[in-house]
Protein backbone atom coordinates (compact mmCIF):
# COMPACT_ATOMS: atom_id res chain seq x y z
CA UNK A 1 -0.13 -15.40 -13.67
CA UNK A 2 0.41 -15.77 -9.78
CA UNK A 3 2.43 -18.94 -9.98
CA UNK A 4 5.91 -18.47 -10.17
CA UNK A 5 7.18 -22.07 -10.26
CA UNK A 6 5.97 -25.64 -8.66
CA UNK A 7 8.31 -27.68 -6.21
CA UNK A 8 6.65 -30.93 -6.94
CA UNK A 9 2.68 -30.69 -6.41
CA UNK A 10 3.44 -27.38 -4.25
CA UNK A 11 2.93 -24.29 -6.28
CA UNK A 12 5.02 -21.20 -5.32
CA UNK A 13 3.16 -18.13 -5.96
CA UNK A 14 4.82 -14.86 -6.86
CA UNK A 15 3.00 -12.89 -4.31
CA UNK A 16 4.42 -14.93 -1.55
CA UNK A 17 7.91 -14.62 -2.86
CA UNK A 18 7.30 -10.71 -3.06
CA UNK A 19 6.16 -10.62 0.43
CA UNK A 20 9.65 -12.50 1.63
CA UNK A 21 11.69 -9.99 -0.30
CA UNK A 22 9.80 -7.25 1.52
CA UNK A 23 10.33 -8.55 4.91
CA UNK A 24 14.18 -9.22 4.07
CA UNK A 25 14.31 -5.64 2.76
CA UNK A 26 12.68 -4.34 5.83
CA UNK A 27 15.06 -6.21 8.26
CA UNK A 28 18.02 -4.79 6.55
CA UNK A 29 16.88 -1.24 6.56
CA UNK A 30 15.66 -1.54 10.20
CA UNK A 31 19.12 -3.00 11.42
CA UNK A 32 20.58 0.05 9.68
CA UNK A 33 18.41 2.46 11.50
CA UNK A 34 19.07 0.65 14.84
CA UNK A 35 22.65 0.92 14.70
CA UNK A 36 22.47 4.43 13.58
CA UNK A 37 20.58 5.20 16.71
CA UNK A 38 22.98 3.43 18.69
CA UNK A 39 20.52 0.67 19.44
CA UNK A 40 21.18 -3.28 19.52
CA UNK A 41 20.03 -4.33 16.24
CA UNK A 42 19.67 -7.97 17.27
CA UNK A 43 16.39 -7.00 18.74
CA UNK A 44 15.47 -6.73 15.06
CA UNK A 45 15.74 -10.53 14.43
CA UNK A 46 14.12 -11.32 17.93
CA UNK A 47 11.17 -8.90 17.71
CA UNK A 48 10.44 -9.90 14.01
CA UNK A 49 9.48 -13.25 15.44
CA UNK A 50 6.59 -11.66 17.16
CA UNK A 51 6.07 -8.58 14.94
CA UNK A 52 5.69 -10.45 11.59
CA UNK A 53 3.07 -13.22 12.75
CA UNK A 54 1.11 -10.43 14.52
CA UNK A 55 1.25 -8.24 11.10
CA UNK A 56 0.20 -11.30 8.97
CA UNK A 57 -2.91 -11.81 11.68
CA UNK A 58 -3.96 -8.33 11.54
CA UNK A 59 -3.43 -8.01 7.63
CA UNK A 60 -5.53 -11.04 7.05
CA UNK A 61 -8.28 -10.07 9.86
CA UNK A 62 -8.46 -6.87 7.82
CA UNK A 63 -9.14 -8.46 4.51
CA UNK A 64 -11.67 -11.00 6.07
CA UNK A 65 -13.63 -8.20 7.76
CA UNK A 66 -13.85 -6.18 4.24
CA UNK A 67 -14.84 -9.26 2.29
CA UNK A 68 -17.03 -10.83 4.95
CA UNK A 69 -20.43 -10.45 3.26
CA UNK A 70 -18.84 -11.16 -0.28
CA UNK A 71 -16.83 -14.33 0.63
CA UNK A 72 -16.22 -15.68 4.12
CA UNK A 73 -19.75 -15.48 5.65
CA UNK A 74 -20.87 -18.41 3.43
CA UNK A 75 -17.17 -20.00 3.27
CA UNK A 76 -15.67 -19.60 6.86
CA UNK A 77 -12.71 -22.50 6.05
CA UNK A 78 -11.36 -19.68 3.56
CA UNK A 79 -10.52 -17.25 6.40
CA UNK A 80 -7.47 -19.61 6.86
CA UNK A 81 -6.17 -19.88 3.43
CA UNK A 82 -5.97 -17.92 0.03
CA UNK A 83 -4.78 -14.76 -0.90
CA UNK A 84 -5.98 -11.34 0.68
CA UNK A 85 -4.20 -8.87 3.02
CA UNK A 86 -4.90 -5.48 4.41
CA UNK A 87 -2.10 -3.10 4.84
CA UNK A 88 -3.89 -1.29 7.53
CA UNK A 89 -4.52 -4.33 9.69
CA UNK A 90 -0.69 -5.23 9.02
CA UNK A 91 0.28 -2.00 10.63
CA UNK A 92 -1.94 -2.32 13.66
CA UNK A 93 -1.06 -5.75 14.17
CA UNK A 94 2.93 -5.20 13.68
CA UNK A 95 2.46 -1.92 15.92
CA UNK A 96 1.12 -4.34 18.77
CA UNK A 97 3.90 -6.67 18.24
CA UNK A 98 6.45 -3.81 18.86
CA UNK A 99 4.54 -2.58 22.04
CA UNK A 100 4.56 -6.01 23.35
CA UNK A 101 8.17 -6.58 22.57
CA UNK A 102 9.58 -3.31 23.86
CA UNK A 103 7.51 -3.72 27.12
CA UNK A 104 8.90 -7.28 27.39
CA UNK A 105 12.67 -6.03 26.86
CA UNK A 106 11.91 -2.62 28.61
CA UNK A 107 12.97 -0.54 25.26
CA UNK A 108 11.76 2.71 24.35
CA UNK A 109 8.53 1.99 22.37
CA UNK A 110 8.49 5.14 20.58
CA UNK A 111 11.96 4.96 19.59
CA UNK A 112 11.78 1.43 18.07
CA UNK A 113 8.72 2.56 16.22
CA UNK A 114 10.89 5.33 14.63
CA UNK A 115 13.49 2.52 13.66
CA UNK A 116 10.58 0.47 12.27
CA UNK A 117 8.83 3.23 10.09
CA UNK A 118 11.14 3.38 7.23
CA UNK A 119 11.50 -0.29 7.15
CA UNK A 120 7.67 -0.57 6.90
CA UNK A 121 6.89 1.64 4.16
CA UNK A 122 9.83 0.20 2.33
CA UNK A 123 8.14 -3.19 2.75
CA UNK A 124 4.89 -1.76 1.72
CA UNK A 125 6.46 -0.15 -1.45
CA UNK A 126 7.92 -3.89 -2.41
CA UNK A 127 4.94 -5.78 -1.19
CA UNK A 128 2.52 -3.96 -3.47
CA UNK A 129 4.21 -5.75 -6.48
CA UNK A 130 2.34 -8.85 -5.25
CA UNK A 131 -0.78 -7.12 -6.22
CA UNK A 132 0.54 -6.88 -9.76
CA UNK A 133 0.90 -10.58 -10.13
CA UNK A 134 -2.23 -11.48 -8.56
CA UNK A 135 -4.01 -8.63 -10.75
CA UNK A 136 -5.67 -6.93 -7.99
CA UNK A 137 -5.59 -3.31 -6.23
CA UNK A 138 -6.41 -1.78 -9.61
CA UNK A 139 -8.46 1.52 -9.94
CA UNK A 140 -11.24 2.49 -12.44
CA UNK A 141 -11.08 1.90 -15.80
CA UNK A 142 -8.70 4.18 -18.14
CA UNK A 143 -7.26 4.79 -21.41
CA UNK A 144 -3.74 6.41 -20.19
CA UNK A 145 -0.57 5.12 -21.75
CA UNK A 146 0.33 3.44 -18.35
CA UNK A 147 -2.73 1.55 -17.78
CA UNK A 148 -2.50 -2.12 -17.11
CA UNK A 149 -4.56 -4.97 -18.69
CA UNK A 150 -6.56 -7.19 -16.26
CA UNK A 151 -7.68 -10.50 -17.35
CA UNK A 152 -11.55 -11.11 -17.67
CA UNK A 153 -11.56 -13.53 -14.79
CA UNK A 154 -9.96 -10.93 -12.47
CA UNK A 155 -12.30 -7.99 -13.19
CA UNK A 156 -14.71 -6.64 -10.84
CA UNK A 157 -18.43 -7.56 -11.56
CA UNK A 158 -20.20 -4.84 -13.58
CA UNK A 159 -16.81 -4.05 -15.22
CA UNK A 160 -16.19 -6.89 -17.51
CA UNK A 161 -16.18 -4.94 -20.75
CA UNK A 162 -13.40 -2.96 -19.65
CA UNK A 163 -9.79 -4.24 -20.25
CA UNK A 164 -7.51 -1.36 -18.71
CA UNK A 165 -7.28 0.14 -15.28
CA UNK A 166 -5.38 2.45 -13.01
CA UNK A 167 -2.49 0.48 -11.69
CA UNK A 168 -3.17 1.72 -8.12
CA UNK A 169 -0.64 -0.69 -6.63
CA UNK A 170 2.18 1.07 -8.82
CA UNK A 171 0.92 4.56 -7.68
CA UNK A 172 1.16 3.47 -4.09
CA UNK A 173 4.38 1.60 -4.53
CA UNK A 174 6.15 4.55 -6.04
CA UNK A 175 4.78 7.01 -3.30
CA UNK A 176 5.72 4.65 -0.56
CA UNK A 177 9.15 4.53 -2.04
CA UNK A 178 9.40 8.07 -1.80
CA UNK A 179 8.16 8.04 1.63
CA UNK A 180 10.77 5.76 2.55
CA UNK A 181 13.51 8.05 1.29
CA UNK A 182 11.73 11.12 2.91
CA UNK A 183 11.75 9.66 6.34
CA UNK A 184 15.28 8.59 6.14
CA UNK A 185 16.41 12.10 5.21
CA UNK A 186 14.29 13.70 7.91
CA UNK A 187 15.72 11.26 10.32
CA UNK A 188 19.15 12.22 9.42
CA UNK A 189 18.55 16.02 8.86
CA UNK A 190 16.50 16.83 11.60
CA UNK A 191 17.64 14.20 14.10
CA UNK A 192 18.45 17.11 16.91
CA UNK A 193 14.97 18.49 16.55
CA UNK A 194 12.92 15.45 16.41
CA UNK A 195 11.31 13.47 19.57
CA UNK A 196 11.33 9.86 19.87
CA UNK A 197 8.16 8.87 17.68
CA UNK A 198 7.87 11.63 15.39
CA UNK A 199 9.36 9.55 12.49
CA UNK A 200 6.59 7.22 13.17
CA UNK A 201 3.89 9.82 13.38
CA UNK A 202 5.05 11.27 10.11
CA UNK A 203 4.92 7.85 8.46
CA UNK A 204 1.06 7.65 9.62
CA UNK A 205 0.46 10.94 8.33
CA UNK A 206 2.21 10.31 5.04
CA UNK A 207 1.08 6.83 4.08
CA UNK A 208 -2.54 7.98 5.53
CA UNK A 209 -2.59 10.96 2.91
CA UNK A 210 -1.58 8.62 0.15
CA UNK A 211 -4.26 6.06 0.91
CA UNK A 212 -6.94 8.72 1.45
CA UNK A 213 -6.06 9.97 -2.02
CA UNK A 214 -6.01 6.97 -3.75
CA UNK A 215 -8.91 5.11 -2.31
CA UNK A 216 -11.11 7.11 -4.30
CA UNK A 217 -10.02 5.56 -7.51
CA UNK A 218 -10.79 1.89 -6.19
CA UNK A 219 -13.79 0.27 -7.90
CA UNK A 220 -15.03 -1.68 -4.95
CA UNK A 221 -13.68 -0.31 -1.51
CA UNK A 222 -15.15 -1.35 1.70
CA UNK A 223 -17.00 1.67 2.87
CA UNK A 224 -18.80 3.03 5.90
CA UNK A 225 -21.50 5.82 5.70
CA UNK A 226 -20.89 6.00 1.90
CA UNK A 227 -17.03 6.72 2.61
CA UNK A 228 -14.25 4.16 1.99
CA UNK A 229 -13.26 2.64 5.25
CA UNK A 230 -9.55 3.15 4.55
CA UNK A 231 -10.34 6.88 4.09
CA UNK A 232 -11.85 6.89 7.75
CA UNK A 233 -8.99 5.28 9.14
CA UNK A 234 -6.66 7.53 7.16
CA UNK A 235 -8.33 10.65 8.72
CA UNK A 236 -8.25 9.43 12.34
CA UNK A 237 -4.47 8.54 11.81
CA UNK A 238 -3.79 12.00 10.47
CA UNK A 239 -5.75 13.91 12.93
CA UNK A 240 -4.44 11.84 15.77
CA UNK A 241 -0.84 12.01 14.51
CA UNK A 242 -0.69 15.70 14.10
CA UNK A 243 -2.61 16.44 17.45
CA UNK A 244 -0.25 14.06 19.50
CA UNK A 245 2.94 15.88 17.82
CA UNK A 246 1.57 19.23 18.55
CA UNK A 247 0.48 18.38 21.98
CA UNK A 248 4.06 16.85 22.77
CA UNK A 249 5.94 20.03 21.62
CA UNK A 250 3.54 22.37 23.47
CA UNK A 251 4.23 20.27 26.73
CA UNK A 252 7.83 20.33 26.22
CA UNK A 253 7.91 24.09 25.84
CA UNK A 254 5.76 24.48 28.74
CA UNK A 255 8.08 22.28 30.91
CA UNK A 256 11.27 24.39 29.48
CA UNK A 257 9.67 27.37 30.42
CA UNK A 258 8.71 26.10 33.98
CA UNK A 259 12.39 24.80 34.44
CA UNK A 260 13.73 28.34 33.55
CA UNK A 261 11.54 30.01 35.94
CA UNK A 262 12.52 27.47 38.83
CA UNK A 263 16.17 28.22 38.04
CA UNK A 264 15.45 31.95 38.06
CA UNK A 265 13.90 31.65 41.62
CA UNK A 266 16.85 29.26 42.81
CA UNK A 267 19.23 31.93 41.65
CA UNK A 268 17.38 34.81 43.44
CA UNK A 269 17.40 32.85 46.75
CA UNK A 270 20.91 32.37 46.72
């Protein structure tokens, strides 16, 4: 089911095709956002040469850590091949790439995070369909009308007798698409009230809320202290993002008040 076609002995997988489509869509949307903000959209192409590889490295690292005891501790060569990517790892790796690139080119890091955020969540919405072709990222068994059939060889151990499951990949894909539209709307409707970085922080809050909510439907999540690791990461991202947004606004308000007071003193002296 995962193979789309063959070029000689080489199998071209649907998962890879979907990821390529996701990256192209992200580049296209990021260029639109860069131009809208008056930035040089050529940075998208050059920056992606660093951001995409680091995103894949982060995504793969997250997956390897997740499945270390199950797979990779006794099959080290498998680390460098096969399927398996983690979105949180991709976001962290990609963010490091943006940080390095913007520092190198002397650009506003937060501004480019804002440009990237809608593109990233769009790529996530598209990329999740790769999980459909791989029959992965599904939830607990269910008899709902939209449940998906999972082949016996792809069922989690202990659930072999169940045929239909929650399509978690679909839930997340649709919610990510809604999130992309929301970020684009907020960026345009409230552009005069937003600080650089706000769209990125809203993205973190929104996506982390999605993951925290859906992760409880997963059958075999990576857990820490009894709670899915993705939920821990989501909580940290939500709390940190809200705290940073509140702090920045309070600081800006304080600076504005101090500026007004200084102007009043100057006027009196005159």
